[in-house]
Amino acid sequence: DAMRRGWFVASNGVRLGRLTVQGDTLSVLPRAPGGVVEFIGDDGAILARQGVDPWGRYPNVYRLRGGEAYVRARITARNGTRAWTQAYRVAY
């Protein structure tokens, strides 16, 4: 089902517990204690940078501000491994 919908995550070690795109928010729940989530937009601009919840209970959330063509999340764990979500196009 995920393949058919086009929901892809690339990773060299970081795991995601949950990925949600709903309304005007992109939410990720990474399994990367001590890591960082960066929400990335046009031309690689970092739209927001957030620390990962050390207990893995609370997701990192980006709410659209307006004007973004797309948004993706890049998660970097403390050990340097990463995961990237696909870019989600924004329709206004």
C-alpha atoms as a PDB file:
ATOM      1  CA  ASP A   1       0.000   0.000   0.000  1.00  0.00           C
ATOM      2  CA  ALA A   2       2.809   2.455   0.851  1.00  0.00           C
ATOM      3  CA  MET A   3       4.507   1.790  -2.484  1.00  0.00           C
ATOM      4  CA  ARG A   4       1.270   2.407  -4.349  1.00  0.00           C
ATOM      5  CA  ARG A   5       0.722   5.677  -2.478  1.00  0.00           C
ATOM      6  CA  GLY A   6       4.304   6.823  -3.009  1.00  0.00           C
ATOM      7  CA  TRP A   7       5.242   7.012   0.695  1.00  0.00           C
ATOM      8  CA  PHE A   8       8.995   6.466   0.718  1.00  0.00           C
ATOM      9  CA  VAL A   9      11.707   6.871   3.327  1.00  0.00           C
ATOM     10  CA  ALA A  10      15.396   6.454   2.565  1.00  0.00           C
ATOM     11  CA  SER A  11      17.658   5.543   5.468  1.00  0.00           C
ATOM     12  CA  ASN A  12      21.164   4.399   6.287  1.00  0.00           C
ATOM     13  CA  GLY A  13      20.209   3.396   9.819  1.00  0.00           C
ATOM     14  CA  VAL A  14      17.582   5.711  11.339  1.00  0.00           C
ATOM     15  CA  ARG A  15      14.104   4.229  11.780  1.00  0.00           C
ATOM     16  CA  LEU A  16      10.790   6.044  11.833  1.00  0.00           C
ATOM     17  CA  GLY A  17       8.044   4.944  14.189  1.00  0.00           C
ATOM     18  CA  ARG A  18       5.451   7.051  12.394  1.00  0.00           C
ATOM     19  CA  LEU A  19       5.150   9.482   9.483  1.00  0.00           C
ATOM     20  CA  THR A  20       1.981  11.511   9.037  1.00  0.00           C
ATOM     21  CA  VAL A  21       1.003  14.097   6.451  1.00  0.00           C
ATOM     22  CA  GLN A  22      -2.351  15.600   7.334  1.00  0.00           C
ATOM     23  CA  GLY A  23      -3.845  18.985   6.553  1.00  0.00           C
ATOM     24  CA  ASP A  24      -1.108  21.584   6.953  1.00  0.00           C
ATOM     25  CA  THR A  25       1.304  19.440   8.999  1.00  0.00           C
ATOM     26  CA  LEU A  26       4.103  16.938   8.417  1.00  0.00           C
ATOM     27  CA  SER A  27       4.795  14.852  11.517  1.00  0.00           C
ATOM     28  CA  VAL A  28       7.585  12.314  12.092  1.00  0.00           C
ATOM     29  CA  LEU A  29       8.313  10.128  15.110  1.00  0.00           C
ATOM     30  CA  PRO A  30      11.942   9.087  14.685  1.00  0.00           C
ATOM     31  CA  ARG A  31      13.693   6.353  16.646  1.00  0.00           C
ATOM     32  CA  ALA A  32      16.846   8.438  17.077  1.00  0.00           C
ATOM     33  CA  PRO A  33      17.315   9.580  20.708  1.00  0.00           C
ATOM     34  CA  GLY A  34      19.578  12.609  20.840  1.00  0.00           C
ATOM     35  CA  GLY A  35      19.048  13.227  17.149  1.00  0.00           C
ATOM     36  CA  VAL A  36      17.798  16.184  15.157  1.00  0.00           C
ATOM     37  CA  VAL A  37      14.952  16.598  12.668  1.00  0.00           C
ATOM     38  CA  GLU A  38      15.283  19.216   9.953  1.00  0.00           C
ATOM     39  CA  PHE A  39      12.301  20.118   7.803  1.00  0.00           C
ATOM     40  CA  ILE A  40      13.606  21.116   4.388  1.00  0.00           C
ATOM     41  CA  GLY A  41      11.944  23.160   1.666  1.00  0.00           C
ATOM     42  CA  ASP A  42      12.759  24.781  -1.652  1.00  0.00           C
ATOM     43  CA  ASP A  43      16.413  24.782  -2.724  1.00  0.00           C
ATOM     44  CA  GLY A  44      17.393  22.839   0.406  1.00  0.00           C
ATOM     45  CA  ALA A  45      16.390  25.654   2.769  1.00  0.00           C
ATOM     46  CA  ILE A  46      16.024  24.480   6.371  1.00  0.00           C
ATOM     47  CA  LEU A  47      12.537  25.556   7.417  1.00  0.00           C
ATOM     48  CA  ALA A  48      12.782  24.262  10.987  1.00  0.00           C
ATOM     49  CA  ARG A  49      15.263  22.343  13.156  1.00  0.00           C
ATOM     50  CA  GLN A  50      14.058  20.365  16.183  1.00  0.00           C
ATOM     51  CA  GLY A  51      15.594  17.960  18.679  1.00  0.00           C
ATOM     52  CA  VAL A  52      14.181  14.428  18.841  1.00  0.00           C
ATOM     53  CA  ASP A  53      12.223  13.525  21.985  1.00  0.00           C
ATOM     54  CA  PRO A  54      14.707  11.411  24.015  1.00  0.00           C
ATOM     55  CA  TRP A  55      11.955   9.022  25.147  1.00  0.00           C
ATOM     56  CA  GLY A  56      10.431   8.609  21.678  1.00  0.00           C
ATOM     57  CA  ARG A  57       6.933   9.630  22.767  1.00  0.00           C
ATOM     58  CA  TYR A  58       6.384  12.940  20.988  1.00  0.00           C
ATOM     59  CA  PRO A  59       6.681  13.507  17.247  1.00  0.00           C
ATOM     60  CA  ASN A  60       8.454  16.357  15.543  1.00  0.00           C
ATOM     61  CA  VAL A  61       5.900  18.477  13.702  1.00  0.00           C
ATOM     62  CA  TYR A  62       6.181  21.083  10.960  1.00  0.00           C
ATOM     63  CA  ARG A  63       3.169  23.259  10.203  1.00  0.00           C
ATOM     64  CA  LEU A  64       3.072  24.973   6.821  1.00  0.00           C
ATOM     65  CA  ARG A  65       3.655  28.712   6.940  1.00  0.00           C
ATOM     66  CA  GLY A  66       2.587  29.454   3.376  1.00  0.00           C
ATOM     67  CA  GLY A  67       4.635  29.655   0.205  1.00  0.00           C
ATOM     68  CA  GLU A  68       6.385  26.276   0.482  1.00  0.00           C
ATOM     69  CA  ALA A  69       6.404  24.297  -2.774  1.00  0.00           C
ATOM     70  CA  TYR A  70       7.318  21.127  -0.887  1.00  0.00           C
ATOM     71  CA  VAL A  71       8.537  19.915   2.492  1.00  0.00           C
ATOM     72  CA  ARG A  72      10.593  16.884   3.482  1.00  0.00           C
ATOM     73  CA  ALA A  73      12.124  15.764   6.760  1.00  0.00           C
ATOM     74  CA  ARG A  74      15.762  14.804   7.290  1.00  0.00           C
ATOM     75  CA  ILE A  75      16.521  13.001  10.535  1.00  0.00           C
ATOM     76  CA  THR A  76      20.103  12.775  11.792  1.00  0.00           C
ATOM     77  CA  ALA A  77      20.893  10.449  14.708  1.00  0.00           C
ATOM     78  CA  ARG A  78      23.613  11.119  17.261  1.00  0.00           C
ATOM     79  CA  ASN A  79      25.845   8.549  15.508  1.00  0.00           C
ATOM     80  CA  GLY A  80      25.536  10.368  12.165  1.00  0.00           C
ATOM     81  CA  THR A  81      23.141   7.972  10.441  1.00  0.00           C
ATOM     82  CA  ARG A  82      20.243   9.601   8.611  1.00  0.00           C
ATOM     83  CA  ALA A  83      16.781   9.126   7.172  1.00  0.00           C
ATOM     84  CA  TRP A  84      15.019  11.257   4.588  1.00  0.00           C
ATOM     85  CA  THR A  85      11.325  11.354   3.769  1.00  0.00           C
ATOM     86  CA  GLN A  86      10.172  11.942   0.247  1.00  0.00           C
ATOM     87  CA  ALA A  87       9.321  15.524  -0.644  1.00  0.00           C
ATOM     88  CA  TYR A  88       5.638  16.248  -0.099  1.00  0.00           C
ATOM     89  CA  ARG A  89       4.268  18.776  -2.570  1.00  0.00           C
ATOM     90  CA  VAL A  90       2.127  21.540  -1.161  1.00  0.00           C
ATOM     91  CA  ALA A  91      -1.049  22.696  -2.916  1.00  0.00           C
ATOM     92  CA  TYR A  92      -2.458  26.067  -1.867  1.00  0.00           C
END
